[in-house]
């Protein structure tokens, strides 16, 4: 899937569809630092999925 650091890599997997989406989410949550961060992100993603809410992706500031 990707390289990690200088001497590490993740092998290519032929996974598509829902299993690939779930695997991507698990891998990204596991690479977070700290149990509280992992729990917060996992809960946030689950809540957004269940309620169909999208996060605000706004860039604000003066030009």
N, C-alpha and C. Protein backbone atom coordinates (compact mmCIF):
# COMPACT_ATOMS: atom_id res chain seq x y z
N UNK A 1 0.81 -1.19 0.00
CA UNK A 1 0.00 0.00 0.00
C UNK A 1 0.86 1.26 0.00
N UNK A 2 1.93 1.25 0.80
CA UNK A 2 2.75 2.46 0.86
C UNK A 2 4.09 2.13 1.52
N UNK A 3 5.03 3.05 1.35
CA UNK A 3 6.30 2.90 2.05
C UNK A 3 6.20 3.60 3.39
N UNK A 4 6.96 3.04 4.35
CA UNK A 4 6.95 3.60 5.70
C UNK A 4 8.40 3.75 6.12
N UNK A 5 8.86 4.97 6.19
CA UNK A 5 10.23 5.20 6.62
C UNK A 5 11.24 4.81 5.55
N UNK A 6 12.48 4.58 5.97
CA UNK A 6 13.55 4.30 5.02
C UNK A 6 13.58 2.86 4.55
N UNK A 7 13.37 1.92 5.47
CA UNK A 7 13.57 0.52 5.11
C UNK A 7 12.33 -0.34 5.27
N UNK A 8 11.18 0.28 5.37
CA UNK A 8 9.96 -0.48 5.55
C UNK A 8 8.97 -0.16 4.44
N UNK A 9 8.21 -1.16 4.08
CA UNK A 9 7.17 -0.97 3.08
C UNK A 9 6.02 -1.92 3.38
N UNK A 10 4.87 -1.57 2.89
CA UNK A 10 3.70 -2.42 3.02
C UNK A 10 3.45 -3.04 1.66
N UNK A 11 3.25 -4.34 1.63
CA UNK A 11 3.09 -5.02 0.35
C UNK A 11 1.75 -4.67 -0.30
N UNK A 12 1.71 -4.87 -1.59
CA UNK A 12 0.51 -4.55 -2.35
C UNK A 12 -0.52 -5.66 -2.17
N UNK A 13 -1.73 -5.27 -1.86
CA UNK A 13 -2.82 -6.21 -1.71
C UNK A 13 -3.87 -5.92 -2.78
N UNK A 14 -4.43 -6.94 -3.32
CA UNK A 14 -5.49 -6.77 -4.31
C UNK A 14 -6.84 -6.87 -3.60
N UNK A 15 -7.20 -5.80 -2.92
CA UNK A 15 -8.46 -5.74 -2.20
C UNK A 15 -9.25 -4.56 -2.75
N UNK A 16 -10.51 -4.80 -3.08
CA UNK A 16 -11.34 -3.73 -3.63
C UNK A 16 -12.68 -3.71 -2.91
N UNK A 17 -13.36 -2.60 -3.03
CA UNK A 17 -14.70 -2.48 -2.47
C UNK A 17 -14.72 -2.23 -0.98
N UNK A 18 -15.75 -2.75 -0.34
CA UNK A 18 -15.96 -2.54 1.09
C UNK A 18 -14.81 -3.05 1.95
N UNK A 19 -14.27 -4.26 1.68
CA UNK A 19 -13.13 -4.71 2.49
C UNK A 19 -11.93 -3.77 2.42
N UNK A 20 -11.67 -3.19 1.24
CA UNK A 20 -10.56 -2.24 1.10
C UNK A 20 -10.83 -0.97 1.89
N UNK A 21 -12.07 -0.51 1.87
CA UNK A 21 -12.43 0.69 2.61
C UNK A 21 -12.28 0.48 4.12
N UNK A 22 -12.72 -0.66 4.60
CA UNK A 22 -12.59 -0.98 6.03
C UNK A 22 -11.12 -1.14 6.40
N UNK A 23 -10.33 -1.82 5.57
CA UNK A 23 -8.91 -1.99 5.83
C UNK A 23 -8.20 -0.64 5.88
N UNK A 24 -8.53 0.26 4.95
CA UNK A 24 -7.93 1.60 4.94
C UNK A 24 -8.22 2.33 6.25
N UNK A 25 -9.47 2.26 6.71
CA UNK A 25 -9.83 2.92 7.97
C UNK A 25 -9.09 2.35 9.16
N UNK A 26 -8.99 1.04 9.23
CA UNK A 26 -8.30 0.39 10.35
C UNK A 26 -6.83 0.77 10.36
N UNK A 27 -6.19 0.72 9.19
CA UNK A 27 -4.76 1.05 9.11
C UNK A 27 -4.53 2.50 9.54
N UNK A 28 -5.36 3.41 9.09
CA UNK A 28 -5.17 4.82 9.44
C UNK A 28 -5.39 5.08 10.93
N UNK A 29 -6.36 4.42 11.53
CA UNK A 29 -6.60 4.59 12.96
C UNK A 29 -5.45 3.99 13.77
N UNK A 30 -4.94 2.84 13.34
CA UNK A 30 -3.85 2.19 14.08
C UNK A 30 -2.55 3.01 14.06
N UNK A 31 -2.35 3.80 13.02
CA UNK A 31 -1.13 4.61 12.95
C UNK A 31 -1.22 5.90 13.75
N UNK A 32 -2.36 6.20 14.33
CA UNK A 32 -2.47 7.36 15.21
C UNK A 32 -1.75 7.09 16.53
N UNK A 33 -1.26 8.12 17.15
CA UNK A 33 -0.54 7.99 18.40
C UNK A 33 -1.50 8.19 19.55
N UNK A 34 -1.52 7.24 20.47
CA UNK A 34 -2.34 7.35 21.67
C UNK A 34 -3.72 6.74 21.53
N UNK A 35 -4.13 6.06 22.56
CA UNK A 35 -5.42 5.39 22.58
C UNK A 35 -6.57 6.39 22.47
N UNK A 36 -6.45 7.52 23.15
CA UNK A 36 -7.52 8.52 23.13
C UNK A 36 -7.72 9.07 21.72
N UNK A 37 -6.65 9.32 20.99
CA UNK A 37 -6.76 9.81 19.61
C UNK A 37 -7.42 8.76 18.72
N UNK A 38 -7.01 7.51 18.88
CA UNK A 38 -7.60 6.44 18.07
C UNK A 38 -9.09 6.33 18.34
N UNK A 39 -9.45 6.36 19.60
CA UNK A 39 -10.86 6.24 19.97
C UNK A 39 -11.67 7.42 19.45
N UNK A 40 -11.13 8.62 19.58
CA UNK A 40 -11.83 9.83 19.14
C UNK A 40 -12.05 9.82 17.62
N UNK A 41 -11.03 9.45 16.87
CA UNK A 41 -11.15 9.43 15.42
C UNK A 41 -12.11 8.33 14.98
N UNK A 42 -11.99 7.15 15.57
CA UNK A 42 -12.89 6.06 15.21
C UNK A 42 -14.34 6.43 15.51
N UNK A 43 -14.59 7.02 16.67
CA UNK A 43 -15.95 7.42 17.02
C UNK A 43 -16.46 8.53 16.09
N UNK A 44 -15.59 9.47 15.77
CA UNK A 44 -15.97 10.57 14.88
C UNK A 44 -16.33 10.04 13.50
N UNK A 45 -15.53 9.13 12.97
CA UNK A 45 -15.82 8.54 11.66
C UNK A 45 -17.11 7.74 11.68
N UNK A 46 -17.32 6.96 12.73
CA UNK A 46 -18.55 6.17 12.82
C UNK A 46 -19.77 7.08 12.90
N UNK A 47 -19.68 8.13 13.71
CA UNK A 47 -20.80 9.05 13.86
C UNK A 47 -21.12 9.75 12.52
N UNK A 48 -20.07 10.19 11.83
CA UNK A 48 -20.27 10.84 10.54
C UNK A 48 -20.87 9.88 9.53
N UNK A 49 -20.49 8.62 9.59
CA UNK A 49 -21.04 7.62 8.67
C UNK A 49 -22.51 7.35 8.96
N UNK A 50 -22.84 7.22 10.22
CA UNK A 50 -24.21 6.89 10.62
C UNK A 50 -25.16 8.05 10.35
N UNK A 51 -24.71 9.27 10.62
CA UNK A 51 -25.59 10.43 10.50
C UNK A 51 -25.49 11.14 9.14
N UNK A 52 -24.65 10.66 8.25
CA UNK A 52 -24.44 11.26 6.92
C UNK A 52 -23.98 12.71 7.01
N UNK A 53 -23.30 13.07 8.08
CA UNK A 53 -22.78 14.43 8.22
C UNK A 53 -21.39 14.51 7.61
N UNK A 54 -21.12 15.62 6.99
CA UNK A 54 -19.79 15.87 6.45
C UNK A 54 -19.14 16.97 7.26
N UNK A 55 -17.86 16.85 7.48
CA UNK A 55 -17.14 17.88 8.19
C UNK A 55 -17.00 19.13 7.35
N UNK A 56 -16.91 20.28 7.99
CA UNK A 56 -16.73 21.53 7.28
C UNK A 56 -15.28 21.64 6.83
N UNK A 57 -15.09 21.72 5.55
CA UNK A 57 -13.74 21.85 5.01
C UNK A 57 -13.56 23.27 4.51
N UNK A 58 -13.36 24.17 5.46
CA UNK A 58 -13.26 25.58 5.14
C UNK A 58 -11.86 26.10 5.40
N UNK A 59 -11.42 26.94 4.53
CA UNK A 59 -10.16 27.65 4.75
C UNK A 59 -10.55 29.11 4.91
N UNK A 60 -10.35 29.64 6.11
CA UNK A 60 -10.74 31.02 6.35
C UNK A 60 -9.50 31.85 6.66
N UNK A 61 -9.64 33.10 6.51
CA UNK A 61 -8.54 34.02 6.80
C UNK A 61 -8.57 35.19 5.84
N UNK A 62 -7.86 36.20 6.17
CA UNK A 62 -7.82 37.39 5.33
C UNK A 62 -6.74 37.24 4.29
N UNK A 63 -7.00 37.81 3.14
CA UNK A 63 -6.02 37.76 2.05
C UNK A 63 -5.35 39.09 1.91
